[in-house]
């Protein structure tokens, strides 16, 4: 028997992922969730958390760029050693 999606999953998918459940339990859980939705849903599009300060974000980006440069340099150096051994 096919039911509406449960948070993006069909009843059959839920039963396959949770074999200890019975079909009636999944259907009952869906009915309960629809009847007793949590307060505050749907979630607001904006968060109440303050955004990350720009100076910190800029510093992190600079550090990441330096790390990537070092990785690229190391990779090139290793490649050159393999391609042109010096002995």
Protein backbone atom coordinates (compact mmCIF):
# COMPACT_ATOMS: atom_id res chain seq x y z
CA UNK A 1 0.00 0.00 0.00
CA UNK A 2 1.45 3.39 -1.01
CA UNK A 3 1.11 6.40 1.28
CA UNK A 4 2.24 9.97 0.94
CA UNK A 5 5.91 10.72 1.51
CA UNK A 6 7.21 10.83 5.07
CA UNK A 7 9.79 13.62 5.17
CA UNK A 8 10.80 12.62 1.67
CA UNK A 9 10.64 8.84 2.28
CA UNK A 10 7.86 6.44 1.38
CA UNK A 11 6.42 4.00 3.89
CA UNK A 12 8.23 1.19 2.07
CA UNK A 13 11.57 2.99 2.39
CA UNK A 14 11.03 3.57 6.11
CA UNK A 15 10.11 -0.09 6.60
CA UNK A 16 13.20 -1.18 4.66
CA UNK A 17 15.44 1.07 6.79
CA UNK A 18 13.71 0.08 10.06
CA UNK A 19 12.64 -3.56 9.68
CA UNK A 20 11.46 -3.82 13.28
CA UNK A 21 8.60 -1.38 12.58
CA UNK A 22 5.20 -2.40 11.27
CA UNK A 23 3.40 -0.54 8.50
CA UNK A 24 0.67 0.57 10.93
CA UNK A 25 3.30 2.14 13.20
CA UNK A 26 4.78 4.20 10.38
CA UNK A 27 1.35 5.37 9.23
CA UNK A 28 0.37 6.21 12.83
CA UNK A 29 3.60 8.16 13.35
CA UNK A 30 2.91 10.18 10.21
CA UNK A 31 -0.64 10.93 11.35
CA UNK A 32 0.62 11.98 14.78
CA UNK A 33 3.29 14.24 13.28
CA UNK A 34 0.71 15.95 11.08
CA UNK A 35 -1.69 16.44 13.99
CA UNK A 36 0.95 17.64 16.46
CA UNK A 37 3.46 19.64 14.49
CA UNK A 38 6.20 21.32 16.47
CA UNK A 39 5.82 24.99 17.26
CA UNK A 40 7.92 27.30 15.15
CA UNK A 41 7.71 25.26 11.97
CA UNK A 42 8.39 25.99 9.22
CA UNK A 43 11.74 27.37 10.22
CA UNK A 44 12.30 31.07 9.55
CA UNK A 45 14.38 31.98 6.53
CA UNK A 46 16.71 34.05 8.72
CA UNK A 47 18.54 32.79 11.76
CA UNK A 48 18.68 34.56 15.10
CA UNK A 49 22.42 33.89 15.33
CA UNK A 50 24.67 36.85 14.61
CA UNK A 51 26.72 36.54 11.42
CA UNK A 52 30.41 35.72 11.57
CA UNK A 53 32.41 38.96 11.81
CA UNK A 54 34.05 39.86 8.51
CA UNK A 55 37.60 40.27 9.88
CA UNK A 56 37.59 36.72 11.25
CA UNK A 57 36.19 35.33 8.02
CA UNK A 58 38.77 37.23 5.97
CA UNK A 59 41.59 35.95 8.19
CA UNK A 60 40.38 32.34 7.78
CA UNK A 61 40.20 32.74 4.03
CA UNK A 62 43.76 34.09 3.95
CA UNK A 63 45.01 31.17 6.05
CA UNK A 64 43.24 28.68 3.79
CA UNK A 65 44.79 30.29 0.70
CA UNK A 66 48.27 30.04 2.27
CA UNK A 67 47.72 26.40 3.16
CA UNK A 68 46.59 25.61 -0.37
CA UNK A 69 49.61 27.41 -1.82
CA UNK A 70 51.91 25.34 0.40
CA UNK A 71 50.20 22.12 -0.68
CA UNK A 72 50.56 23.07 -4.35
CA UNK A 73 54.23 23.95 -3.88
CA UNK A 74 54.89 20.66 -2.08
CA UNK A 75 53.07 18.71 -4.78
CA UNK A 76 55.04 20.41 -7.55
CA UNK A 77 58.32 19.83 -5.72
CA UNK A 78 57.51 16.12 -5.24
CA UNK A 79 56.53 15.79 -8.88
CA UNK A 80 59.76 17.46 -10.02
CA UNK A 81 61.84 15.13 -7.84
CA UNK A 82 60.17 12.09 -9.34
CA UNK A 83 60.39 13.38 -12.90
CA UNK A 84 63.99 14.65 -12.62
CA UNK A 85 65.87 12.78 -9.88
CA UNK A 86 69.07 14.42 -8.69
CA UNK A 87 71.65 11.91 -7.62
